[in-house]
PDB file of N, CA and C in Angstrom:
ATOM      1  N   MET A   1       4.666  26.091-122.976  1.00  0.00           N
ATOM      2  CA  MET A   1       5.626  25.394-123.822  1.00  0.00           C
ATOM      3  C   MET A   1       6.946  26.134-123.836  1.00  0.00           C
ATOM      4  N   THR A   2       7.980  25.364-123.871  1.00  0.00           N
ATOM      5  CA  THR A   2       9.325  25.910-123.907  1.00  0.00           C
ATOM      6  C   THR A   2      10.075  25.272-125.062  1.00  0.00           C
ATOM      7  N   ARG A   3      10.937  26.032-125.702  1.00  0.00           N
ATOM      8  CA  ARG A   3      11.758  25.486-126.786  1.00  0.00           C
ATOM      9  C   ARG A   3      13.139  25.151-126.257  1.00  0.00           C
ATOM     10  N   TRP A   4      13.587  23.929-126.563  1.00  0.00           N
ATOM     11  CA  TRP A   4      14.961  23.521-126.275  1.00  0.00           C
ATOM     12  C   TRP A   4      15.760  23.669-127.553  1.00  0.00           C
ATOM     13  N   ASN A   5      16.914  24.316-127.479  1.00  0.00           N
ATOM     14  CA  ASN A   5      17.875  24.429-128.583  1.00  0.00           C
ATOM     15  C   ASN A   5      19.221  23.993-128.033  1.00  0.00           C
ATOM     16  N   LEU A   6      19.642  22.777-128.396  1.00  0.00           N
ATOM     17  CA  LEU A   6      20.909  22.249-127.914  1.00  0.00           C
ATOM     18  C   LEU A   6      21.668  21.640-129.088  1.00  0.00           C
ATOM     19  N   ALA A   7      22.997  21.668-129.000  1.00  0.00           N
ATOM     20  CA  ALA A   7      23.825  21.117-130.075  1.00  0.00           C
ATOM     21  C   ALA A   7      25.107  20.541-129.505  1.00  0.00           C
ATOM     22  N   SER A   8      25.681  19.602-130.246  1.00  0.00           N
ATOM     23  CA  SER A   8      27.008  19.093-129.896  1.00  0.00           C
ATOM     24  C   SER A   8      28.030  20.185-130.217  1.00  0.00           C
ATOM     25  N   THR A   9      29.200  20.099-129.617  1.00  0.00           N
ATOM     26  CA  THR A   9      30.212  21.144-129.826  1.00  0.00           C
ATOM     27  C   THR A   9      30.659  21.218-131.277  1.00  0.00           C
ATOM     28  N   ASP A  10      30.564  20.112-132.026  1.00  0.00           N
ATOM     29  CA  ASP A  10      30.941  20.135-133.453  1.00  0.00           C
ATOM     30  C   ASP A  10      29.740  20.403-134.361  1.00  0.00           C
ATOM     31  N   SER A  11      28.551  20.642-133.779  1.00  0.00           N
ATOM     32  CA  SER A  11      27.295  20.916-134.489  1.00  0.00           C
ATOM     33  C   SER A  11      26.838  19.775-135.397  1.00  0.00           C
ATOM     34  N   GLN A  12      27.359  18.570-135.188  1.00  0.00           N
ATOM     35  CA  GLN A  12      26.914  17.417-135.971  1.00  0.00           C
ATOM     36  C   GLN A  12      25.566  16.894-135.489  1.00  0.00           C
ATOM     37  N   VAL A  13      25.197  17.223-134.253  1.00  0.00           N
ATOM     38  CA  VAL A  13      23.902  16.847-133.695  1.00  0.00           C
ATOM     39  C   VAL A  13      23.266  18.105-133.122  1.00  0.00           C
ATOM     40  N   VAL A  14      22.034  18.407-133.576  1.00  0.00           N
ATOM     41  CA  VAL A  14      21.300  19.586-133.109  1.00  0.00           C
ATOM     42  C   VAL A  14      19.879  19.158-132.770  1.00  0.00           C
ATOM     43  N   LEU A  15      19.439  19.463-131.555  1.00  0.00           N
ATOM     44  CA  LEU A  15      18.093  19.153-131.098  1.00  0.00           C
ATOM     45  C   LEU A  15      17.336  20.455-130.896  1.00  0.00           C
ATOM     46  N   THR A  16      16.211  20.613-131.604  1.00  0.00           N
ATOM     47  CA  THR A  16      15.344  21.781-131.458  1.00  0.00           C
ATOM     48  C   THR A  16      13.928  21.269-131.290  1.00  0.00           C
ATOM     49  N   VAL A  17      13.432  21.299-130.063  1.00  0.00           N
ATOM     50  CA  VAL A  17      12.097  20.775-129.780  1.00  0.00           C
ATOM     51  C   VAL A  17      11.331  21.721-128.865  1.00  0.00           C
ATOM     52  N   ASP A  18      10.012  21.686-129.010  1.00  0.00           N
ATOM     53  CA  ASP A  18       9.121  22.351-128.078  1.00  0.00           C
ATOM     54  C   ASP A  18       8.649  21.295-127.097  1.00  0.00           C
ATOM     55  N   GLU A  19       8.689  21.623-125.804  1.00  0.00           N
ATOM     56  CA  GLU A  19       8.259  20.673-124.782  1.00  0.00           C
ATOM     57  C   GLU A  19       7.160  21.299-123.944  1.00  0.00           C
ATOM     58  N   ASP A  20       6.284  20.435-123.448  1.00  0.00           N
ATOM     59  CA  ASP A  20       5.152  20.863-122.633  1.00  0.00           C
ATOM     60  C   ASP A  20       5.348  20.345-121.211  1.00  0.00           C
ATOM     61  N   ASP A  21       5.611  21.247-120.286  1.00  0.00           N
ATOM     62  CA  ASP A  21       5.835  20.861-118.882  1.00  0.00           C
ATOM     63  C   ASP A  21       4.636  20.146-118.271  1.00  0.00           C
ATOM     64  N   SER A  22       3.426  20.420-118.752  1.00  0.00           N
ATOM     65  CA  SER A  22       2.235  19.851-118.130  1.00  0.00           C
ATOM     66  C   SER A  22       2.059  18.363-118.404  1.00  0.00           C
ATOM     67  N   ASN A  23       2.582  17.880-119.553  1.00  0.00           N
ATOM     68  CA  ASN A  23       2.392  16.461-119.872  1.00  0.00           C
ATOM     69  C   ASN A  23       3.656  15.772-120.404  1.00  0.00           C
ATOM     70  N   GLY A  24       4.757  16.510-120.554  1.00  0.00           N
ATOM     71  CA  GLY A  24       6.011  15.926-121.007  1.00  0.00           C
ATOM     72  C   GLY A  24       6.131  15.727-122.502  1.00  0.00           C
ATOM     73  N   ALA A  25       5.134  16.133-123.274  1.00  0.00           N
ATOM     74  CA  ALA A  25       5.186  15.946-124.730  1.00  0.00           C
ATOM     75  C   ALA A  25       6.294  16.799-125.351  1.00  0.00           C
ATOM     76  N   MET A  26       6.926  16.264-126.403  1.00  0.00           N
ATOM     77  CA  MET A  26       7.987  16.966-127.130  1.00  0.00           C
ATOM     78  C   MET A  26       7.752  16.792-128.624  1.00  0.00           C
ATOM     79  N   SER A  27       8.063  17.825-129.418  1.00  0.00           N
ATOM     80  CA  SER A  27       8.037  17.699-130.878  1.00  0.00           C
ATOM     81  C   SER A  27       8.952  18.759-131.471  1.00  0.00           C
ATOM     82  N   GLY A  28       9.560  18.408-132.606  1.00  0.00           N
ATOM     83  CA  GLY A  28      10.462  19.338-133.279  1.00  0.00           C
ATOM     84  C   GLY A  28      11.369  18.611-134.240  1.00  0.00           C
ATOM     85  N   THR A  29      12.655  18.994-134.245  1.00  0.00           N
ATOM     86  CA  THR A  29      13.600  18.377-135.166  1.00  0.00           C
ATOM     87  C   THR A  29      14.849  17.907-134.434  1.00  0.00           C
ATOM     88  N   LEU A  30      15.436  16.859-134.994  1.00  0.00           N
ATOM     89  CA  LEU A  30      16.740  16.371-134.582  1.00  0.00           C
ATOM     90  C   LEU A  30      17.579  16.290-135.843  1.00  0.00           C
ATOM     91  N   GLN A  31      18.684  17.027-135.880  1.00  0.00           N
ATOM     92  CA  GLN A  31      19.627  16.936-136.985  1.00  0.00           C
ATOM     93  C   GLN A  31      20.777  16.056-136.534  1.00  0.00           C
ATOM     94  N   ALA A  32      21.073  15.034-137.332  1.00  0.00           N
ATOM     95  CA  ALA A  32      22.164  14.134-136.995  1.00  0.00           C
ATOM     96  C   ALA A  32      23.016  13.908-138.231  1.00  0.00           C
ATOM     97  N   HIS A  33      24.231  14.440-138.211  1.00  0.00           N
ATOM     98  CA  HIS A  33      25.219  14.235-139.264  1.00  0.00           C
ATOM     99  C   HIS A  33      24.653  14.515-140.654  1.00  0.00           C
ATOM    100  N   GLY A  34      23.999  15.665-140.797  1.00  0.00           N
ATOM    101  CA  GLY A  34      23.551  16.134-142.098  1.00  0.00           C
ATOM    102  C   GLY A  34      22.121  15.798-142.474  1.00  0.00           C
ATOM    103  N   THR A  35      21.419  15.021-141.668  1.00  0.00           N
ATOM    104  CA  THR A  35      20.024  14.680-141.951  1.00  0.00           C
ATOM    105  C   THR A  35      19.129  15.296-140.890  1.00  0.00           C
ATOM    106  N   THR A  36      18.029  15.923-141.331  1.00  0.00           N
ATOM    107  CA  THR A  36      17.064  16.510-140.407  1.00  0.00           C
ATOM    108  C   THR A  36      15.852  15.595-140.296  1.00  0.00           C
ATOM    109  N   PHE A  37      15.494  15.258-139.075  1.00  0.00           N
ATOM    110  CA  PHE A  37      14.375  14.377-138.788  1.00  0.00           C
ATOM    111  C   PHE A  37      13.291  15.155-138.045  1.00  0.00           C
ATOM    112  N   GLN A  38      12.039  14.949-138.418  1.00  0.00           N
ATOM    113  CA  GLN A  38      10.909  15.439-137.634  1.00  0.00           C
ATOM    114  C   GLN A  38      10.675  14.412-136.534  1.00  0.00           C
ATOM    115  N   VAL A  39      10.661  14.842-135.276  1.00  0.00           N
ATOM    116  CA  VAL A  39      10.568  13.906-134.159  1.00  0.00           C
ATOM    117  C   VAL A  39       9.471  14.300-133.175  1.00  0.00           C
ATOM    118  N   LYS A  40       8.976  13.293-132.470  1.00  0.00           N
ATOM    119  CA  LYS A  40       8.029  13.473-131.372  1.00  0.00           C
ATOM    120  C   LYS A  40       8.431  12.522-130.265  1.00  0.00           C
ATOM    121  N   GLY A  41       8.047  12.860-129.052  1.00  0.00           N
ATOM    122  CA  GLY A  41       8.357  11.987-127.930  1.00  0.00           C
ATOM    123  C   GLY A  41       7.869  12.592-126.634  1.00  0.00           C
ATOM    124  N   ALA A  42       8.539  12.215-125.555  1.00  0.00           N
ATOM    125  CA  ALA A  42       8.140  12.688-124.234  1.00  0.00           C
ATOM    126  C   ALA A  42       9.330  12.664-123.286  1.00  0.00           C
ATOM    127  N   TRP A  43       9.208  13.419-122.214  1.00  0.00           N
ATOM    128  CA  TRP A  43      10.238  13.424-121.177  1.00  0.00           C
ATOM    129  C   TRP A  43       9.580  13.307-119.809  1.00  0.00           C
ATOM    130  N   SER A  44      10.371  12.849-118.841  1.00  0.00           N
ATOM    131  CA  SER A  44       9.931  12.723-117.452  1.00  0.00           C
ATOM    132  C   SER A  44      10.947  13.409-116.559  1.00  0.00           C
ATOM    133  N   ALA A  45      10.440  14.174-115.608  1.00  0.00           N
ATOM    134  CA  ALA A  45      11.308  14.942-114.718  1.00  0.00           C
ATOM    135  C   ALA A  45      11.832  14.093-113.567  1.00  0.00           C
ATOM    136  N   SER A  46      13.052  14.370-113.192  1.00  0.00           N
ATOM    137  CA  SER A  46      13.636  13.762-111.999  1.00  0.00           C
ATOM    138  C   SER A  46      12.748  14.050-110.805  1.00  0.00           C
ATOM    139  N   GLY A  47      12.472  13.016-110.021  1.00  0.00           N
ATOM    140  CA  GLY A  47      11.656  13.201-108.832  1.00  0.00           C
ATOM    141  C   GLY A  47      10.164  13.246-109.087  1.00  0.00           C
ATOM    142  N   SER A  48       9.732  13.089-110.348  1.00  0.00           N
ATOM    143  CA  SER A  48       8.302  13.163-110.650  1.00  0.00           C
ATOM    144  C   SER A  48       7.525  11.982-110.066  1.00  0.00           C
ATOM    145  N   VAL A  49       8.197  10.867-109.888  1.00  0.00           N
ATOM    146  CA  VAL A  49       7.628   9.694-109.219  1.00  0.00           C
ATOM    147  C   VAL A  49       8.742   9.058-108.403  1.00  0.00           C
ATOM    148  N   PRO A  50       8.405   8.312-107.364  1.00  0.00           N
ATOM    149  CA  PRO A  50       9.448   7.640-106.588  1.00  0.00           C
ATOM    150  C   PRO A  50      10.316   6.748-107.489  1.00  0.00           C
ATOM    151  N   GLY A  51      11.613   6.852-107.297  1.00  0.00           N
ATOM    152  CA  GLY A  51      12.535   6.045-108.079  1.00  0.00           C
ATOM    153  C   GLY A  51      13.062   6.712-109.333  1.00  0.00           C
ATOM    154  N   ARG A  52      12.441   7.816-109.775  1.00  0.00           N
ATOM    155  CA  ARG A  52      12.955   8.534-110.951  1.00  0.00           C
ATOM    156  C   ARG A  52      13.999   9.508-110.451  1.00  0.00           C
ATOM    157  N   ASN A  53      15.277   9.137-110.602  1.00  0.00           N
ATOM    158  CA  ASN A  53      16.383   9.924-110.073  1.00  0.00           C
ATOM    159  C   ASN A  53      17.071  10.784-111.120  1.00  0.00           C
ATOM    160  N   ALA A  54      16.623  10.706-112.376  1.00  0.00           N
ATOM    161  CA  ALA A  54      17.201  11.519-113.445  1.00  0.00           C
ATOM    162  C   ALA A  54      16.085  11.933-114.399  1.00  0.00           C
ATOM    163  N   SER A  55      16.226  13.097-114.993  1.00  0.00           N
ATOM    164  CA  SER A  55      15.292  13.520-116.034  1.00  0.00           C
ATOM    165  C   SER A  55      15.721  12.862-117.338  1.00  0.00           C
ATOM    166  N   ALA A  56      14.774  12.229-118.013  1.00  0.00           N
ATOM    167  CA  ALA A  56      15.093  11.465-119.215  1.00  0.00           C
ATOM    168  C   ALA A  56      14.029  11.710-120.283  1.00  0.00           C
ATOM    169  N   PHE A  57      14.387  11.417-121.549  1.00  0.00           N
ATOM    170  CA  PHE A  57      13.433  11.570-122.644  1.00  0.00           C
ATOM    171  C   PHE A  57      13.705  10.528-123.721  1.00  0.00           C
ATOM    172  N   ALA A  58      12.712  10.365-124.587  1.00  0.00           N
ATOM    173  CA  ALA A  58      12.854   9.529-125.779  1.00  0.00           C
ATOM    174  C   ALA A  58      12.071  10.186-126.907  1.00  0.00           C
ATOM    175  N   ILE A  59      12.662  10.167-128.127  1.00  0.00           N
ATOM    176  CA  ILE A  59      12.019  10.732-129.308  1.00  0.00           C
ATOM    177  C   ILE A  59      12.235   9.791-130.483  1.00  0.00           C
ATOM    178  N   SER A  60      11.386   9.915-131.495  1.00  0.00           N
ATOM    179  CA  SER A  60      11.578   9.155-132.729  1.00  0.00           C
ATOM    180  C   SER A  60      10.888   9.889-133.871  1.00  0.00           C
ATOM    181  N   GLY A  61      11.273   9.515-135.105  1.00  0.00           N
ATOM    182  CA  GLY A  61      10.676  10.121-136.282  1.00  0.00           C
ATOM    183  C   GLY A  61      11.430   9.717-137.527  1.00  0.00           C
ATOM    184  N   ASN A  62      11.203  10.479-138.610  1.00  0.00           N
ATOM    185  CA  ASN A  62      11.894  10.178-139.864  1.00  0.00           C
ATOM    186  C   ASN A  62      12.179  11.448-140.643  1.00  0.00           C
ATOM    187  N   ASP A  63      12.843  11.268-141.809  1.00  0.00           N
ATOM    188  CA  ASP A  63      13.252  12.423-142.613  1.00  0.00           C
ATOM    189  C   ASP A  63      12.201  12.862-143.630  1.00  0.00           C
ATOM    190  N   GLY A  64      11.059  12.177-143.690  1.00  0.00           N
ATOM    191  CA  GLY A  64       9.957  12.602-144.552  1.00  0.00           C
ATOM    192  C   GLY A  64      10.079  12.211-146.011  1.00  0.00           C
ATOM    193  N   LEU A  65      11.105  11.468-146.383  1.00  0.00           N
ATOM    194  CA  LEU A  65      11.269  11.058-147.776  1.00  0.00           C
ATOM    195  C   LEU A  65      10.398   9.843-148.078  1.00  0.00           C
ATOM    196  N   ALA A  66      10.191   9.549-149.381  1.00  0.00           N
ATOM    197  CA  ALA A  66       9.365   8.408-149.787  1.00  0.00           C
ATOM    198  C   ALA A  66       9.902   7.098-149.221  1.00  0.00           C
ATOM    199  N   ALA A  67      11.210   6.925-149.230  1.00  0.00           N
ATOM    200  CA  ALA A  67      11.865   5.784-148.570  1.00  0.00           C
ATOM    201  C   ALA A  67      12.563   6.365-147.344  1.00  0.00           C
ATOM    202  N   PRO A  68      11.831   6.490-146.233  1.00  0.00           N
ATOM    203  CA  PRO A  68      12.358   7.267-145.111  1.00  0.00           C
ATOM    204  C   PRO A  68      13.539   6.621-144.395  1.00  0.00           C
ATOM    205  N   THR A  69      14.383   7.493-143.881  1.00  0.00           N
ATOM    206  CA  THR A  69      15.381   7.116-142.897  1.00  0.00           C
ATOM    207  C   THR A  69      14.757   7.416-141.538  1.00  0.00           C
ATOM    208  N   TRP A  70      14.817   6.443-140.629  1.00  0.00           N
ATOM    209  CA  TRP A  70      14.187   6.567-139.320  1.00  0.00           C
ATOM    210  C   TRP A  70      15.229   6.865-138.249  1.00  0.00           C
ATOM    211  N   VAL A  71      14.800   7.541-137.203  1.00  0.00           N
ATOM    212  CA  VAL A  71      15.689   7.846-136.089  1.00  0.00           C
ATOM    213  C   VAL A  71      14.957   7.583-134.774  1.00  0.00           C
ATOM    214  N   SER A  72      15.704   7.107-133.808  1.00  0.00           N
ATOM    215  CA  SER A  72      15.208   7.041-132.433  1.00  0.00           C
ATOM    216  C   SER A  72      16.342   7.524-131.542  1.00  0.00           C
ATOM    217  N   ALA A  73      15.972   8.176-130.464  1.00  0.00           N
ATOM    218  CA  ALA A  73      16.991   8.709-129.561  1.00  0.00           C
ATOM    219  C   ALA A  73      16.439   8.764-128.149  1.00  0.00           C
ATOM    220  N   SER A  74      17.330   8.623-127.190  1.00  0.00           N
ATOM    221  CA  SER A  74      16.971   8.813-125.789  1.00  0.00           C
ATOM    222  C   SER A  74      18.115   9.547-125.120  1.00  0.00           C
ATOM    223  N   GLY A  75      17.790  10.200-124.011  1.00  0.00           N
ATOM    224  CA  GLY A  75      18.826  10.965-123.345  1.00  0.00           C
ATOM    225  C   GLY A  75      18.529  11.232-121.893  1.00  0.00           C
ATOM    226  N   ILE A  76      19.567  11.650-121.203  1.00  0.00           N
ATOM    227  CA  ILE A  76      19.495  12.061-119.807  1.00  0.00           C
ATOM    228  C   ILE A  76      19.804  13.559-119.757  1.00  0.00           C
ATOM    229  N   MET A  77      18.960  14.308-119.071  1.00  0.00           N
ATOM    230  CA  MET A  77      19.088  15.758-119.008  1.00  0.00           C
ATOM    231  C   MET A  77      19.668  16.188-117.674  1.00  0.00           C
ATOM    232  N   VAL A  78      20.487  17.234-117.704  1.00  0.00           N
ATOM    233  CA  VAL A  78      20.986  17.891-116.500  1.00  0.00           C
ATOM    234  C   VAL A  78      20.386  19.287-116.492  1.00  0.00           C
ATOM    235  N   GLY A  79      19.785  19.668-115.371  1.00  0.00           N
ATOM    236  CA  GLY A  79      19.166  20.978-115.264  1.00  0.00           C
ATOM    237  C   GLY A  79      17.656  20.870-115.390  1.00  0.00           C
ATOM    238  N   PRO A  80      16.952  22.009-115.282  1.00  0.00           N
ATOM    239  CA  PRO A  80      15.487  22.003-115.293  1.00  0.00           C
ATOM    240  C   PRO A  80      14.924  21.661-116.675  1.00  0.00           C
ATOM    241  N   GLY A  81      13.735  21.043-116.683  1.00  0.00           N
ATOM    242  CA  GLY A  81      13.104  20.647-117.940  1.00  0.00           C
ATOM    243  C   GLY A  81      12.852  21.803-118.884  1.00  0.00           C
ATOM    244  N   ALA A  82      12.573  22.968-118.343  1.00  0.00           N
ATOM    245  CA  ALA A  82      12.324  24.119-119.202  1.00  0.00           C
ATOM    246  C   ALA A  82      13.598  24.629-119.880  1.00  0.00           C
ATOM    247  N   ALA A  83      14.762  24.260-119.339  1.00  0.00           N
ATOM    248  CA  ALA A  83      16.026  24.765-119.902  1.00  0.00           C
ATOM    249  C   ALA A  83      17.181  23.850-119.505  1.00  0.00           C
ATOM    250  N   PRO A  84      17.293  22.671-120.126  1.00  0.00           N
ATOM    251  CA  PRO A  84      18.394  21.773-119.763  1.00  0.00           C
ATOM    252  C   PRO A  84      19.759  22.444-119.946  1.00  0.00           C
ATOM    253  N   GLN A  85      20.671  22.176-119.005  1.00  0.00           N
ATOM    254  CA  GLN A  85      22.036  22.703-119.100  1.00  0.00           C
ATOM    255  C   GLN A  85      22.894  21.820-119.977  1.00  0.00           C
ATOM    256  N   SER A  86      22.538  20.534-120.080  1.00  0.00           N
ATOM    257  CA  SER A  86      23.219  19.608-120.985  1.00  0.00           C
ATOM    258  C   SER A  86      22.365  18.354-121.134  1.00  0.00           C
ATOM    259  N   ILE A  87      22.617  17.617-122.216  1.00  0.00           N
ATOM    260  CA  ILE A  87      21.933  16.358-122.480  1.00  0.00           C
ATOM    261  C   ILE A  87      22.958  15.363-122.991  1.00  0.00           C
ATOM    262  N   GLU A  88      22.964  14.173-122.414  1.00  0.00           N
ATOM    263  CA  GLU A  88      23.712  13.044-122.968  1.00  0.00           C
ATOM    264  C   GLU A  88      22.716  12.275-123.817  1.00  0.00           C
ATOM    265  N   ILE A  89      22.974  12.173-125.125  1.00  0.00           N
ATOM    266  CA  ILE A  89      22.009  11.570-126.044  1.00  0.00           C
ATOM    267  C   ILE A  89      22.613  10.377-126.776  1.00  0.00           C
ATOM    268  N   GLN A  90      21.801   9.341-126.946  1.00  0.00           N
ATOM    269  CA  GLN A  90      22.140   8.168-127.751  1.00  0.00           C
ATOM    270  C   GLN A  90      21.168   8.166-128.928  1.00  0.00           C
ATOM    271  N   ILE A  91      21.691   8.055-130.134  1.00  0.00           N
ATOM    272  CA  ILE A  91      20.879   8.127-131.352  1.00  0.00           C
ATOM    273  C   ILE A  91      21.131   6.884-132.190  1.00  0.00           C
ATOM    274  N   ASP A  92      20.055   6.320-132.735  1.00  0.00           N
ATOM    275  CA  ASP A  92      20.167   5.241-133.714  1.00  0.00           C
ATOM    276  C   ASP A  92      19.428   5.663-134.974  1.00  0.00           C
ATOM    277  N   VAL A  93      20.110   5.574-136.112  1.00  0.00           N
ATOM    278  CA  VAL A  93      19.533   5.912-137.409  1.00  0.00           C
ATOM    279  C   VAL A  93      19.408   4.625-138.210  1.00  0.00           C
ATOM    280  N   ALA A  94      18.201   4.350-138.735  1.00  0.00           N
ATOM    281  CA  ALA A  94      17.947   3.174-139.570  1.00  0.00           C
ATOM    282  C   ALA A  94      17.732   3.640-141.007  1.00  0.00           C
ATOM    283  N   THR A  95      18.653   3.283-141.899  1.00  0.00           N
ATOM    284  CA  THR A  95      18.613   3.758-143.282  1.00  0.00           C
ATOM    285  C   THR A  95      17.759   2.845-144.163  1.00  0.00           C
ATOM    286  N   PRO A  96      17.275   3.354-145.306  1.00  0.00           N
ATOM    287  CA  PRO A  96      16.518   2.520-146.239  1.00  0.00           C
ATOM    288  C   PRO A  96      17.359   1.365-146.790  1.00  0.00           C
ATOM    289  N   ALA A  97      18.677   1.504-146.791  1.00  0.00           N
ATOM    290  CA  ALA A  97      19.572   0.457-147.292  1.00  0.00           C
ATOM    291  C   ALA A  97      19.747  -0.686-146.295  1.00  0.00           C
ATOM    292  N   GLY A  98      19.249  -0.500-145.071  1.00  0.00           N
ATOM    293  CA  GLY A  98      19.322  -1.562-144.075  1.00  0.00           C
ATOM    294  C   GLY A  98      20.430  -1.415-143.058  1.00  0.00           C
ATOM    295  N   ALA A  99      21.041  -0.248-142.985  1.00  0.00           N
ATOM    296  CA  ALA A  99      22.099  -0.015-142.002  1.00  0.00           C
ATOM    297  C   ALA A  99      21.510   0.608-140.742  1.00  0.00           C
ATOM    298  N   LEU A 100      22.054   0.248-139.601  1.00  0.00           N
ATOM    299  CA  LEU A 100      21.707   0.865-138.321  1.00  0.00           C
ATOM    300  C   LEU A 100      22.952   1.582-137.828  1.00  0.00           C
ATOM    301  N   ILE A 101      22.866   2.914-137.742  1.00  0.00           N
ATOM    302  CA  ILE A 101      24.032   3.741-137.425  1.00  0.00           C
ATOM    303  C   ILE A 101      23.829   4.382-136.055  1.00  0.00           C
ATOM    304  N   PRO A 102      24.699   4.070-135.089  1.00  0.00           N
ATOM    305  CA  PRO A 102      24.570   4.677-133.763  1.00  0.00           C
ATOM    306  C   PRO A 102      25.430   5.937-133.629  1.00  0.00           C
ATOM    307  N   TYR A 103      24.937   6.878-132.859  1.00  0.00           N
ATOM    308  CA  TYR A 103      25.677   8.087-132.508  1.00  0.00           C
ATOM    309  C   TYR A 103      25.489   8.342-131.024  1.00  0.00           C
ATOM    310  N   GLN A 104      26.462   8.982-130.425  1.00  0.00           N
ATOM    311  CA  GLN A 104      26.357   9.424-129.038  1.00  0.00           C
ATOM    312  C   GLN A 104      26.958  10.815-128.968  1.00  0.00           C
ATOM    313  N   ALA A 105      26.343  11.704-128.194  1.00  0.00           N
ATOM    314  CA  ALA A 105      26.856  13.070-128.111  1.00  0.00           C
ATOM    315  C   ALA A 105      26.416  13.723-126.803  1.00  0.00           C
ATOM    316  N   GLU A 106      27.151  14.744-126.414  1.00  0.00           N
ATOM    317  CA  GLU A 106      26.725  15.646-125.354  1.00  0.00           C
ATOM    318  C   GLU A 106      26.206  16.904-126.042  1.00  0.00           C
ATOM    319  N   LEU A 107      25.006  17.322-125.691  1.00  0.00           N
ATOM    320  CA  LEU A 107      24.415  18.518-126.262  1.00  0.00           C
ATOM    321  C   LEU A 107      24.413  19.627-125.224  1.00  0.00           C
ATOM    322  N   LEU A 108      24.736  20.833-125.679  1.00  0.00           N
ATOM    323  CA  LEU A 108      24.764  22.015-124.823  1.00  0.00           C
ATOM    324  C   LEU A 108      23.876  23.083-125.436  1.00  0.00           C
ATOM    325  N   PRO A 109      23.362  24.016-124.622  1.00  0.00           N
ATOM    326  CA  PRO A 109      22.502  25.086-125.151  1.00  0.00           C
ATOM    327  C   PRO A 109      23.227  25.885-126.246  1.00  0.00           C
ATOM    328  N   HIS A 110      22.456  26.289-127.272  1.00  0.00           N
ATOM    329  CA  HIS A 110      22.986  27.154-128.318  1.00  0.00           C
ATOM    330  C   HIS A 110      21.864  28.051-128.822  1.00  0.00           C
ATOM    331  N   ALA A 111      22.237  29.123-129.489  1.00  0.00           N
ATOM    332  CA  ALA A 111      21.244  30.103-129.968  1.00  0.00           C
ATOM    333  C   ALA A 111      20.496  29.600-131.165  1.00  0.00           C
TER     334      ALA A 111
END
């Protein structure tokens, strides 16, 4: 297992997940504009099957509150799965009030 720690340059989006190279499973947290979500998902490596020309992932989860806010996100990774050099991520947040809020960001490695 490897831990990914990536953030947008303004730190409004932070992805911290553990990933398993053997099966592509991912779990951890996604912080988006002040809300922390527990997320799970999976990734697939570029070249893992014919026609897969980019490494990609998808995650989803919620903030754990009684009336949860839900999040889903997908992204394209640059660099090896154990240590992406950057991620282009699309995020959708579904609030208890009925709003769907989209975000897009480039994530880079951070400590």
